[in-house]
Amino acid sequence: MGIHLLPARLLAFTIGAFFAGVGGALYGHYLVSFSPATFYVAMLVQQLTMLVLGGQASLTGAVVGVTAITVLSEVLRNLERGFSLGGLQVPAVFGASQIALGFIFILVRTYAVG
């Protein structure tokens, strides 16, 4: 009805591949070297939760999802070390951030689809 679909899709794919390559190069420079152990399941769940929470069709939602999950992960990471609240000593709970992110992912996917 106005634009040719194939050139538009190829342009979108090329731009997306360019930014993925730049991101991978910067991440490789940050890590100094790549190995299969670098990419673990917790990182995958965190990235999927960011994407699903923010929404796949909205740039603003993606930024909000990344910000919310990053802040939540850092807060939970600090709580994993244990803390004292007045006279009450809360022990360290290892893996709380991964459990919370998985739970948020399941909740968002359950209620977003239905």
PDB file of N, CA and C in Angstrom:
ATOM      1  N   MET A   1       0.806  -1.182   0.000  1.00  0.00           N
ATOM      2  CA  MET A   1       0.000   0.000   0.000  1.00  0.00           C
ATOM      3  C   MET A   1       0.862   1.263   0.000  1.00  0.00           C
ATOM      4  N   GLY A   2       2.138   1.178  -0.067  1.00  0.00           N
ATOM      5  CA  GLY A   2       2.930   2.394  -0.085  1.00  0.00           C
ATOM      6  C   GLY A   2       4.419   2.137  -0.004  1.00  0.00           C
ATOM      7  N   ILE A   3       4.831   1.187   0.840  1.00  0.00           N
ATOM      8  CA  ILE A   3       6.258   0.887   0.940  1.00  0.00           C
ATOM      9  C   ILE A   3       6.476  -0.581   0.599  1.00  0.00           C
ATOM     10  N   HIS A   4       7.634  -0.868   0.067  1.00  0.00           N
ATOM     11  CA  HIS A   4       7.988  -2.249  -0.232  1.00  0.00           C
ATOM     12  C   HIS A   4       8.451  -2.912   1.058  1.00  0.00           C
ATOM     13  N   LEU A   5       7.909  -4.052   1.370  1.00  0.00           N
ATOM     14  CA  LEU A   5       8.156  -4.718   2.637  1.00  0.00           C
ATOM     15  C   LEU A   5       9.569  -5.283   2.755  1.00  0.00           C
ATOM     16  N   LEU A   6      10.090  -5.880   1.720  1.00  0.00           N
ATOM     17  CA  LEU A   6      11.402  -6.513   1.798  1.00  0.00           C
ATOM     18  C   LEU A   6      12.518  -5.525   2.130  1.00  0.00           C
ATOM     19  N   PRO A   7      12.651  -4.381   1.463  1.00  0.00           N
ATOM     20  CA  PRO A   7      13.716  -3.444   1.848  1.00  0.00           C
ATOM     21  C   PRO A   7      13.561  -2.904   3.269  1.00  0.00           C
ATOM     22  N   ALA A   8      12.339  -2.705   3.716  1.00  0.00           N
ATOM     23  CA  ALA A   8      12.118  -2.211   5.077  1.00  0.00           C
ATOM     24  C   ALA A   8      12.560  -3.251   6.105  1.00  0.00           C
ATOM     25  N   ARG A   9      12.230  -4.510   5.865  1.00  0.00           N
ATOM     26  CA  ARG A   9      12.646  -5.578   6.783  1.00  0.00           C
ATOM     27  C   ARG A   9      14.163  -5.763   6.772  1.00  0.00           C
ATOM     28  N   LEU A  10      14.765  -5.689   5.605  1.00  0.00           N
ATOM     29  CA  LEU A  10      16.215  -5.830   5.526  1.00  0.00           C
ATOM     30  C   LEU A  10      16.921  -4.693   6.257  1.00  0.00           C
ATOM     31  N   LEU A  11      16.388  -3.491   6.131  1.00  0.00           N
ATOM     32  CA  LEU A  11      16.972  -2.348   6.847  1.00  0.00           C
ATOM     33  C   LEU A  11      16.837  -2.524   8.356  1.00  0.00           C
ATOM     34  N   ALA A  12      15.667  -2.959   8.810  1.00  0.00           N
ATOM     35  CA  ALA A  12      15.468  -3.193  10.244  1.00  0.00           C
ATOM     36  C   ALA A  12      16.402  -4.288  10.754  1.00  0.00           C
ATOM     37  N   PHE A  13      16.552  -5.363   9.986  1.00  0.00           N
ATOM     38  CA  PHE A  13      17.443  -6.446  10.382  1.00  0.00           C
ATOM     39  C   PHE A  13      18.894  -5.963  10.434  1.00  0.00           C
ATOM     40  N   THR A  14      19.306  -5.176   9.455  1.00  0.00           N
ATOM     41  CA  THR A  14      20.681  -4.674   9.404  1.00  0.00           C
ATOM     42  C   THR A  14      20.971  -3.751  10.582  1.00  0.00           C
ATOM     43  N   ILE A  15      20.063  -2.863  10.879  1.00  0.00           N
ATOM     44  CA  ILE A  15      20.263  -1.950  12.010  1.00  0.00           C
ATOM     45  C   ILE A  15      20.307  -2.731  13.331  1.00  0.00           C
ATOM     46  N   GLY A  16      19.403  -3.713  13.496  1.00  0.00           N
ATOM     47  CA  GLY A  16      19.404  -4.530  14.702  1.00  0.00           C
ATOM     48  C   GLY A  16      20.687  -5.342  14.845  1.00  0.00           C
ATOM     49  N   ALA A  17      21.165  -5.906  13.737  1.00  0.00           N
ATOM     50  CA  ALA A  17      22.406  -6.672  13.767  1.00  0.00           C
ATOM     51  C   ALA A  17      23.604  -5.783  14.082  1.00  0.00           C
ATOM     52  N   PHE A  18      23.582  -4.561  13.565  1.00  0.00           N
ATOM     53  CA  PHE A  18      24.665  -3.622  13.851  1.00  0.00           C
ATOM     54  C   PHE A  18      24.747  -3.336  15.347  1.00  0.00           C
ATOM     55  N   PHE A  19      23.610  -3.009  15.953  1.00  0.00           N
ATOM     56  CA  PHE A  19      23.627  -2.690  17.383  1.00  0.00           C
ATOM     57  C   PHE A  19      23.925  -3.911  18.241  1.00  0.00           C
ATOM     58  N   ALA A  20      23.494  -5.098  17.816  1.00  0.00           N
ATOM     59  CA  ALA A  20      23.852  -6.319  18.536  1.00  0.00           C
ATOM     60  C   ALA A  20      25.355  -6.567  18.461  1.00  0.00           C
ATOM     61  N   GLY A  21      25.956  -6.321  17.300  1.00  0.00           N
ATOM     62  CA  GLY A  21      27.408  -6.477  17.154  1.00  0.00           C
ATOM     63  C   GLY A  21      28.182  -5.482  17.992  1.00  0.00           C
ATOM     64  N   VAL A  22      27.719  -4.233  18.017  1.00  0.00           N
ATOM     65  CA  VAL A  22      28.380  -3.217  18.849  1.00  0.00           C
ATOM     66  C   VAL A  22      28.257  -3.590  20.322  1.00  0.00           C
ATOM     67  N   GLY A  23      27.069  -4.042  20.732  1.00  0.00           N
ATOM     68  CA  GLY A  23      26.881  -4.461  22.124  1.00  0.00           C
ATOM     69  C   GLY A  23      27.763  -5.645  22.491  1.00  0.00           C
ATOM     70  N   GLY A  24      27.875  -6.616  21.604  1.00  0.00           N
ATOM     71  CA  GLY A  24      28.735  -7.771  21.860  1.00  0.00           C
ATOM     72  C   GLY A  24      30.205  -7.390  21.922  1.00  0.00           C
ATOM     73  N   ALA A  25      30.617  -6.464  21.052  1.00  0.00           N
ATOM     74  CA  ALA A  25      32.016  -6.019  21.079  1.00  0.00           C
ATOM     75  C   ALA A  25      32.327  -5.273  22.366  1.00  0.00           C
ATOM     76  N   LEU A  26      31.420  -4.427  22.803  1.00  0.00           N
ATOM     77  CA  LEU A  26      31.639  -3.701  24.054  1.00  0.00           C
ATOM     78  C   LEU A  26      31.630  -4.635  25.254  1.00  0.00           C
ATOM     79  N   TYR A  27      30.735  -5.631  25.236  1.00  0.00           N
ATOM     80  CA  TYR A  27      30.694  -6.601  26.330  1.00  0.00           C
ATOM     81  C   TYR A  27      31.957  -7.458  26.344  1.00  0.00           C
ATOM     82  N   GLY A  28      32.437  -7.835  25.159  1.00  0.00           N
ATOM     83  CA  GLY A  28      33.686  -8.591  25.077  1.00  0.00           C
ATOM     84  C   GLY A  28      34.871  -7.775  25.571  1.00  0.00           C
ATOM     85  N   HIS A  29      34.888  -6.492  25.269  1.00  0.00           N
ATOM     86  CA  HIS A  29      35.962  -5.622  25.752  1.00  0.00           C
ATOM     87  C   HIS A  29      35.885  -5.485  27.269  1.00  0.00           C
ATOM     88  N   TYR A  30      34.679  -5.429  27.799  1.00  0.00           N
ATOM     89  CA  TYR A  30      34.491  -5.333  29.246  1.00  0.00           C
ATOM     90  C   TYR A  30      34.970  -6.597  29.955  1.00  0.00           C
ATOM     91  N   LEU A  31      34.671  -7.776  29.365  1.00  0.00           N
ATOM     92  CA  LEU A  31      35.044  -9.047  29.988  1.00  0.00           C
ATOM     93  C   LEU A  31      36.478  -9.459  29.696  1.00  0.00           C
ATOM     94  N   VAL A  32      37.082  -8.918  28.693  1.00  0.00           N
ATOM     95  CA  VAL A  32      38.422  -9.219  28.204  1.00  0.00           C
ATOM     96  C   VAL A  32      38.452 -10.519  27.405  1.00  0.00           C
ATOM     97  N   SER A  33      37.685 -11.534  27.808  1.00  0.00           N
ATOM     98  CA  SER A  33      37.638 -12.769  27.034  1.00  0.00           C
ATOM     99  C   SER A  33      36.270 -13.408  27.203  1.00  0.00           C
ATOM    100  N   PHE A  34      35.862 -14.177  26.185  1.00  0.00           N
ATOM    101  CA  PHE A  34      34.585 -14.870  26.212  1.00  0.00           C
ATOM    102  C   PHE A  34      34.804 -16.333  26.537  1.00  0.00           C
ATOM    103  N   SER A  35      33.856 -16.928  27.221  1.00  0.00           N
ATOM    104  CA  SER A  35      33.818 -18.368  27.425  1.00  0.00           C
ATOM    105  C   SER A  35      32.360 -18.760  27.630  1.00  0.00           C
ATOM    106  N   PRO A  36      32.022 -20.023  27.474  1.00  0.00           N
ATOM    107  CA  PRO A  36      30.631 -20.428  27.690  1.00  0.00           C
ATOM    108  C   PRO A  36      30.145 -20.162  29.114  1.00  0.00           C
ATOM    109  N   ALA A  37      31.056 -20.132  30.067  1.00  0.00           N
ATOM    110  CA  ALA A  37      30.665 -19.874  31.450  1.00  0.00           C
ATOM    111  C   ALA A  37      30.238 -18.425  31.663  1.00  0.00           C
ATOM    112  N   THR A  38      30.571 -17.550  30.719  1.00  0.00           N
ATOM    113  CA  THR A  38      30.205 -16.138  30.841  1.00  0.00           C
ATOM    114  C   THR A  38      28.701 -15.957  30.759  1.00  0.00           C
ATOM    115  N   PHE A  39      28.044 -16.755  29.937  1.00  0.00           N
ATOM    116  CA  PHE A  39      26.612 -16.630  29.717  1.00  0.00           C
ATOM    117  C   PHE A  39      25.900 -17.715  30.506  1.00  0.00           C
ATOM    118  N   TYR A  40      25.329 -17.358  31.613  1.00  0.00           N
ATOM    119  CA  TYR A  40      24.703 -18.323  32.495  1.00  0.00           C
ATOM    120  C   TYR A  40      23.196 -18.087  32.546  1.00  0.00           C
ATOM    121  N   VAL A  41      22.478 -19.006  33.139  1.00  0.00           N
ATOM    122  CA  VAL A  41      21.023 -19.002  33.125  1.00  0.00           C
ATOM    123  C   VAL A  41      20.458 -17.802  33.876  1.00  0.00           C
ATOM    124  N   ALA A  42      21.076 -17.398  34.980  1.00  0.00           N
ATOM    125  CA  ALA A  42      20.559 -16.264  35.759  1.00  0.00           C
ATOM    126  C   ALA A  42      20.563 -14.989  34.924  1.00  0.00           C
ATOM    127  N   MET A  43      21.584 -14.803  34.116  1.00  0.00           N
ATOM    128  CA  MET A  43      21.640 -13.619  33.257  1.00  0.00           C
ATOM    129  C   MET A  43      20.546 -13.688  32.194  1.00  0.00           C
ATOM    130  N   LEU A  44      20.296 -14.852  31.643  1.00  0.00           N
ATOM    131  CA  LEU A  44      19.246 -15.025  30.651  1.00  0.00           C
ATOM    132  C   LEU A  44      17.871 -14.730  31.248  1.00  0.00           C
ATOM    133  N   VAL A  45      17.606 -15.240  32.443  1.00  0.00           N
ATOM    134  CA  VAL A  45      16.321 -14.996  33.097  1.00  0.00           C
ATOM    135  C   VAL A  45      16.157 -13.508  33.399  1.00  0.00           C
ATOM    136  N   GLN A  46      17.236 -12.851  33.814  1.00  0.00           N
ATOM    137  CA  GLN A  46      17.165 -11.423  34.104  1.00  0.00           C
ATOM    138  C   GLN A  46      16.839 -10.625  32.834  1.00  0.00           C
ATOM    139  N   GLN A  47      17.471 -10.950  31.744  1.00  0.00           N
ATOM    140  CA  GLN A  47      17.218 -10.231  30.501  1.00  0.00           C
ATOM    141  C   GLN A  47      15.812 -10.507  29.965  1.00  0.00           C
ATOM    142  N   LEU A  48      15.351 -11.736  30.054  1.00  0.00           N
ATOM    143  CA  LEU A  48      13.995 -12.055  29.614  1.00  0.00           C
ATOM    144  C   LEU A  48      12.956 -11.353  30.479  1.00  0.00           C
ATOM    145  N   THR A  49      13.200 -11.273  31.782  1.00  0.00           N
ATOM    146  CA  THR A  49      12.281 -10.590  32.678  1.00  0.00           C
ATOM    147  C   THR A  49      12.231  -9.104  32.357  1.00  0.00           C
ATOM    148  N   MET A  50      13.381  -8.514  32.048  1.00  0.00           N
ATOM    149  CA  MET A  50      13.396  -7.102  31.653  1.00  0.00           C
ATOM    150  C   MET A  50      12.543  -6.878  30.412  1.00  0.00           C
ATOM    151  N   LEU A  51      12.705  -7.750  29.442  1.00  0.00           N
ATOM    152  CA  LEU A  51      11.974  -7.616  28.178  1.00  0.00           C
ATOM    153  C   LEU A  51      10.480  -7.808  28.372  1.00  0.00           C
ATOM    154  N   VAL A  52      10.103  -8.836  29.105  1.00  0.00           N
ATOM    155  CA  VAL A  52       8.696  -9.144  29.286  1.00  0.00           C
ATOM    156  C   VAL A  52       8.016  -8.102  30.168  1.00  0.00           C
ATOM    157  N   LEU A  53       8.682  -7.650  31.220  1.00  0.00           N
ATOM    158  CA  LEU A  53       8.095  -6.653  32.114  1.00  0.00           C
ATOM    159  C   LEU A  53       7.875  -5.331  31.396  1.00  0.00           C
ATOM    160  N   GLY A  54       8.829  -4.922  30.582  1.00  0.00           N
ATOM    161  CA  GLY A  54       8.708  -3.649  29.887  1.00  0.00           C
ATOM    162  C   GLY A  54       7.787  -3.698  28.688  1.00  0.00           C
ATOM    163  N   GLY A  55       7.607  -4.841  28.116  1.00  0.00           N
ATOM    164  CA  GLY A  55       6.776  -4.944  26.918  1.00  0.00           C
ATOM    165  C   GLY A  55       7.652  -5.014  25.686  1.00  0.00           C
ATOM    166  N   GLN A  56       7.268  -5.825  24.754  1.00  0.00           N
ATOM    167  CA  GLN A  56       8.084  -6.057  23.581  1.00  0.00           C
ATOM    168  C   GLN A  56       7.867  -5.031  22.490  1.00  0.00           C
ATOM    169  N   ALA A  57       6.787  -4.267  22.565  1.00  0.00           N
ATOM    170  CA  ALA A  57       6.478  -3.344  21.481  1.00  0.00           C
ATOM    171  C   ALA A  57       6.713  -1.888  21.847  1.00  0.00           C
ATOM    172  N   SER A  58       7.276  -1.632  23.007  1.00  0.00           N
ATOM    173  CA  SER A  58       7.402  -0.264  23.469  1.00  0.00           C
ATOM    174  C   SER A  58       8.836   0.025  23.904  1.00  0.00           C
ATOM    175  N   LEU A  59       9.420   1.075  23.352  1.00  0.00           N
ATOM    176  CA  LEU A  59      10.769   1.468  23.760  1.00  0.00           C
ATOM    177  C   LEU A  59      10.766   2.015  25.184  1.00  0.00           C
ATOM    178  N   THR A  60       9.777   2.819  25.511  1.00  0.00           N
ATOM    179  CA  THR A  60       9.675   3.369  26.863  1.00  0.00           C
ATOM    180  C   THR A  60       9.473   2.256  27.875  1.00  0.00           C
ATOM    181  N   GLY A  61       8.644   1.284  27.545  1.00  0.00           N
ATOM    182  CA  GLY A  61       8.432   0.152  28.433  1.00  0.00           C
ATOM    183  C   GLY A  61       9.695  -0.654  28.636  1.00  0.00           C
ATOM    184  N   ALA A  62      10.492  -0.795  27.585  1.00  0.00           N
ATOM    185  CA  ALA A  62      11.750  -1.536  27.716  1.00  0.00           C
ATOM    186  C   ALA A  62      12.699  -0.823  28.678  1.00  0.00           C
ATOM    187  N   VAL A  63      12.762   0.501  28.586  1.00  0.00           N
ATOM    188  CA  VAL A  63      13.625   1.271  29.497  1.00  0.00           C
ATOM    189  C   VAL A  63      13.118   1.141  30.932  1.00  0.00           C
ATOM    190  N   VAL A  64      11.804   1.211  31.114  1.00  0.00           N
ATOM    191  CA  VAL A  64      11.227   1.065  32.450  1.00  0.00           C
ATOM    192  C   VAL A  64      11.488  -0.348  32.989  1.00  0.00           C
ATOM    193  N   GLY A  65      11.341  -1.363  32.136  1.00  0.00           N
ATOM    194  CA  GLY A  65      11.600  -2.736  32.560  1.00  0.00           C
ATOM    195  C   GLY A  65      13.043  -2.954  32.968  1.00  0.00           C
ATOM    196  N   VAL A  66      13.977  -2.426  32.190  1.00  0.00           N
ATOM    197  CA  VAL A  66      15.402  -2.556  32.525  1.00  0.00           C
ATOM    198  C   VAL A  66      15.709  -1.850  33.832  1.00  0.00           C
ATOM    199  N   THR A  67      15.181  -0.647  33.992  1.00  0.00           N
ATOM    200  CA  THR A  67      15.441   0.126  35.221  1.00  0.00           C
ATOM    201  C   THR A  67      14.864  -0.584  36.442  1.00  0.00           C
ATOM    202  N   ALA A  68      13.621  -1.045  36.331  1.00  0.00           N
ATOM    203  CA  ALA A  68      12.973  -1.698  37.475  1.00  0.00           C
ATOM    204  C   ALA A  68      13.688  -2.986  37.871  1.00  0.00           C
ATOM    205  N   ILE A  69      14.035  -3.818  36.900  1.00  0.00           N
ATOM    206  CA  ILE A  69      14.685  -5.090  37.218  1.00  0.00           C
ATOM    207  C   ILE A  69      16.109  -4.868  37.739  1.00  0.00           C
ATOM    208  N   THR A  70      16.813  -3.873  37.199  1.00  0.00           N
ATOM    209  CA  THR A  70      18.163  -3.593  37.691  1.00  0.00           C
ATOM    210  C   THR A  70      18.133  -3.120  39.131  1.00  0.00           C
ATOM    211  N   VAL A  71      17.227  -2.212  39.448  1.00  0.00           N
ATOM    212  CA  VAL A  71      17.119  -1.720  40.827  1.00  0.00           C
ATOM    213  C   VAL A  71      16.713  -2.855  41.759  1.00  0.00           C
ATOM    214  N   LEU A  72      15.722  -3.657  41.347  1.00  0.00           N
ATOM    215  CA  LEU A  72      15.278  -4.774  42.168  1.00  0.00           C
ATOM    216  C   LEU A  72      16.396  -5.797  42.385  1.00  0.00           C
ATOM    217  N   SER A  73      17.164  -6.079  41.350  1.00  0.00           N
ATOM    218  CA  SER A  73      18.270  -7.031  41.480  1.00  0.00           C
ATOM    219  C   SER A  73      19.324  -6.537  42.464  1.00  0.00           C
ATOM    220  N   GLU A  74      19.642  -5.252  42.391  1.00  0.00           N
ATOM    221  CA  GLU A  74      20.648  -4.710  43.305  1.00  0.00           C
ATOM    222  C   GLU A  74      20.149  -4.698  44.749  1.00  0.00           C
ATOM    223  N   VAL A  75      18.891  -4.371  44.953  1.00  0.00           N
ATOM    224  CA  VAL A  75      18.328  -4.388  46.311  1.00  0.00           C
ATOM    225  C   VAL A  75      18.331  -5.806  46.856  1.00  0.00           C
ATOM    226  N   LEU A  76      17.887  -6.769  46.040  1.00  0.00           N
ATOM    227  CA  LEU A  76      17.871  -8.159  46.497  1.00  0.00           C
ATOM    228  C   LEU A  76      19.275  -8.710  46.704  1.00  0.00           C
ATOM    229  N   ARG A  77      20.225  -8.283  45.908  1.00  0.00           N
ATOM    230  CA  ARG A  77      21.602  -8.738  46.087  1.00  0.00           C
ATOM    231  C   ARG A  77      22.155  -8.259  47.425  1.00  0.00           C
ATOM    232  N   ASN A  78      21.808  -7.030  47.818  1.00  0.00           N
ATOM    233  CA  ASN A  78      22.239  -6.540  49.116  1.00  0.00           C
ATOM    234  C   ASN A  78      21.519  -7.255  50.252  1.00  0.00           C
ATOM    235  N   LEU A  79      20.260  -7.636  50.051  1.00  0.00           N
ATOM    236  CA  LEU A  79      19.531  -8.369  51.082  1.00  0.00           C
ATOM    237  C   LEU A  79      20.017  -9.808  51.214  1.00  0.00           C
ATOM    238  N   GLU A  80      20.615 -10.353  50.148  1.00  0.00           N
ATOM    239  CA  GLU A  80      21.120 -11.728  50.198  1.00  0.00           C
ATOM    240  C   GLU A  80      22.254 -11.889  51.206  1.00  0.00           C
ATOM    241  N   ARG A  81      22.935 -10.823  51.507  1.00  0.00           N
ATOM    242  CA  ARG A  81      24.062 -10.893  52.450  1.00  0.00           C
ATOM    243  C   ARG A  81      23.602 -11.009  53.892  1.00  0.00           C
ATOM    244  N   GLY A  82      22.325 -10.757  54.142  1.00  0.00           N
ATOM    245  CA  GLY A  82      21.813 -10.765  55.500  1.00  0.00           C
ATOM    246  C   GLY A  82      21.882  -9.362  56.081  1.00  0.00           C
ATOM    247  N   PHE A  83      21.022  -9.105  57.054  1.00  0.00           N
ATOM    248  CA  PHE A  83      21.002  -7.775  57.668  1.00  0.00           C
ATOM    249  C   PHE A  83      20.382  -7.882  59.048  1.00  0.00           C
ATOM    250  N   SER A  84      20.533  -6.816  59.811  1.00  0.00           N
ATOM    251  CA  SER A  84      19.918  -6.769  61.126  1.00  0.00           C
ATOM    252  C   SER A  84      18.922  -5.619  61.156  1.00  0.00           C
ATOM    253  N   LEU A  85      17.767  -5.900  61.715  1.00  0.00           N
ATOM    254  CA  LEU A  85      16.700  -4.918  61.823  1.00  0.00           C
ATOM    255  C   LEU A  85      16.378  -4.776  63.303  1.00  0.00           C
ATOM    256  N   GLY A  86      16.948  -3.739  63.912  1.00  0.00           N
ATOM    257  CA  GLY A  86      16.809  -3.583  65.355  1.00  0.00           C
ATOM    258  C   GLY A  86      17.555  -4.697  66.059  1.00  0.00           C
ATOM    259  N   GLY A  87      16.859  -5.491  66.862  1.00  0.00           N
ATOM    260  CA  GLY A  87      17.482  -6.621  67.540  1.00  0.00           C
ATOM    261  C   GLY A  87      17.344  -7.917  66.765  1.00  0.00           C
ATOM    262  N   LEU A  88      16.681  -7.876  65.641  1.00  0.00           N
ATOM    263  CA  LEU A  88      16.441  -9.075  64.846  1.00  0.00           C
ATOM    264  C   LEU A  88      17.524  -9.235  63.788  1.00  0.00           C
ATOM    265  N   GLN A  89      18.162 -10.376  63.774  1.00  0.00           N
ATOM    266  CA  GLN A  89      19.205 -10.668  62.797  1.00  0.00           C
ATOM    267  C   GLN A  89      18.633 -11.581  61.712  1.00  0.00           C
ATOM    268  N   VAL A  90      18.570 -11.086  60.472  1.00  0.00           N
ATOM    269  CA  VAL A  90      18.063 -11.879  59.343  1.00  0.00           C
ATOM    270  C   VAL A  90      19.265 -12.528  58.658  1.00  0.00           C
ATOM    271  N   PRO A  91      19.274 -13.861  58.569  1.00  0.00           N
ATOM    272  CA  PRO A  91      20.437 -14.524  57.960  1.00  0.00           C
ATOM    273  C   PRO A  91      20.479 -14.320  56.449  1.00  0.00           C
ATOM    274  N   ALA A  92      21.606 -14.663  55.877  1.00  0.00           N
ATOM    275  CA  ALA A  92      21.784 -14.546  54.432  1.00  0.00           C
ATOM    276  C   ALA A  92      20.905 -15.575  53.716  1.00  0.00           C
ATOM    277  N   VAL A  93      20.240 -15.129  52.661  1.00  0.00           N
ATOM    278  CA  VAL A  93      19.406 -16.004  51.837  1.00  0.00           C
ATOM    279  C   VAL A  93      19.994 -15.975  50.435  1.00  0.00           C
ATOM    280  N   PHE A  94      20.774 -16.996  50.119  1.00  0.00           N
ATOM    281  CA  PHE A  94      21.442 -17.024  48.830  1.00  0.00           C
ATOM    282  C   PHE A  94      20.461 -17.421  47.729  1.00  0.00           C
ATOM    283  N   GLY A  95      20.532 -16.706  46.601  1.00  0.00           N
ATOM    284  CA  GLY A  95      19.677 -16.994  45.471  1.00  0.00           C
ATOM    285  C   GLY A  95      18.341 -16.284  45.502  1.00  0.00           C
ATOM    286  N   ALA A  96      18.147 -15.363  46.434  1.00  0.00           N
ATOM    287  CA  ALA A  96      16.863 -14.662  46.538  1.00  0.00           C
ATOM    288  C   ALA A  96      16.581 -13.827  45.295  1.00  0.00           C
ATOM    289  N   SER A  97      17.611 -13.236  44.710  1.00  0.00           N
ATOM    290  CA  SER A  97      17.374 -12.400  43.527  1.00  0.00           C
ATOM    291  C   SER A  97      16.927 -13.247  42.342  1.00  0.00           C
ATOM    292  N   GLN A  98      17.504 -14.419  42.154  1.00  0.00           N
ATOM    293  CA  GLN A  98      17.091 -15.277  41.050  1.00  0.00           C
ATOM    294  C   GLN A  98      15.677 -15.803  41.269  1.00  0.00           C
ATOM    295  N   ILE A  99      15.344 -16.135  42.501  1.00  0.00           N
ATOM    296  CA  ILE A  99      13.997 -16.623  42.806  1.00  0.00           C
ATOM    297  C   ILE A  99      12.973 -15.520  42.559  1.00  0.00           C
ATOM    298  N   ALA A 100      13.267 -14.311  43.018  1.00  0.00           N
ATOM    299  CA  ALA A 100      12.340 -13.194  42.831  1.00  0.00           C
ATOM    300  C   ALA A 100      12.169 -12.858  41.350  1.00  0.00           C
ATOM    301  N   LEU A 101      13.266 -12.852  40.587  1.00  0.00           N
ATOM    302  CA  LEU A 101      13.166 -12.556  39.156  1.00  0.00           C
ATOM    303  C   LEU A 101      12.363 -13.624  38.422  1.00  0.00           C
ATOM    304  N   GLY A 102      12.574 -14.875  38.759  1.00  0.00           N
ATOM    305  CA  GLY A 102      11.796 -15.952  38.157  1.00  0.00           C
ATOM    306  C   GLY A 102      10.321 -15.838  38.495  1.00  0.00           C
ATOM    307  N   PHE A 103      10.024 -15.483  39.736  1.00  0.00           N
ATOM    308  CA  PHE A 103       8.637 -15.310  40.161  1.00  0.00           C
ATOM    309  C   PHE A 103       7.974 -14.145  39.427  1.00  0.00           C
ATOM    310  N   ILE A 104       8.691 -13.024  39.294  1.00  0.00           N
ATOM    311  CA  ILE A 104       8.157 -11.869  38.548  1.00  0.00           C
ATOM    312  C   ILE A 104       7.924 -12.249  37.096  1.00  0.00           C
ATOM    313  N   PHE A 105       8.861 -12.982  36.498  1.00  0.00           N
ATOM    314  CA  PHE A 105       8.717 -13.419  35.106  1.00  0.00           C
ATOM    315  C   PHE A 105       7.457 -14.265  34.930  1.00  0.00           C
ATOM    316  N   ILE A 106       7.245 -15.206  35.833  1.00  0.00           N
ATOM    317  CA  ILE A 106       6.069 -16.075  35.750  1.00  0.00           C
ATOM    318  C   ILE A 106       4.795 -15.259  35.937  1.00  0.00           C
ATOM    319  N   LEU A 107       4.776 -14.342  36.899  1.00  0.00           N
ATOM    320  CA  LEU A 107       3.596 -13.512  37.118  1.00  0.00           C
ATOM    321  C   LEU A 107       3.259 -12.655  35.915  1.00  0.00           C
ATOM    322  N   VAL A 108       4.264 -12.001  35.360  1.00  0.00           N
ATOM    323  CA  VAL A 108       4.019 -11.126  34.214  1.00  0.00           C
ATOM    324  C   VAL A 108       3.547 -11.929  33.025  1.00  0.00           C
ATOM    325  N   ARG A 109       4.171 -13.070  32.754  1.00  0.00           N
ATOM    326  CA  ARG A 109       3.758 -13.890  31.613  1.00  0.00           C
ATOM    327  C   ARG A 109       2.353 -14.467  31.826  1.00  0.00           C
ATOM    328  N   THR A 110       2.013 -14.820  33.057  1.00  0.00           N
ATOM    329  CA  THR A 110       0.697 -15.383  33.334  1.00  0.00           C
ATOM    330  C   THR A 110      -0.401 -14.357  33.117  1.00  0.00           C
ATOM    331  N   TYR A 111      -0.205 -13.157  33.639  1.00  0.00           N
ATOM    332  CA  TYR A 111      -1.266 -12.152  33.560  1.00  0.00           C
ATOM    333  C   TYR A 111      -1.223 -11.346  32.275  1.00  0.00           C
ATOM    334  N   ALA A 112      -0.112 -11.313  31.574  1.00  0.00           N
ATOM    335  CA  ALA A 112      -0.038 -10.592  30.306  1.00  0.00           C
ATOM    336  C   ALA A 112      -0.722 -11.379  29.191  1.00  0.00           C
ATOM    337  N   VAL A 113      -0.632 -12.693  29.244  1.00  0.00           N
ATOM    338  CA  VAL A 113      -1.214 -13.527  28.200  1.00  0.00           C
ATOM    339  C   VAL A 113      -2.724 -13.633  28.394  1.00  0.00           C
ATOM    340  N   GLY A 114      -3.167 -13.779  29.658  1.00  0.00           N
ATOM    341  CA  GLY A 114      -4.587 -13.979  29.949  1.00  0.00           C
ATOM    342  C   GLY A 114      -5.333 -12.730  29.867  1.00  0.00           C
TER     343      GLY A 114
END
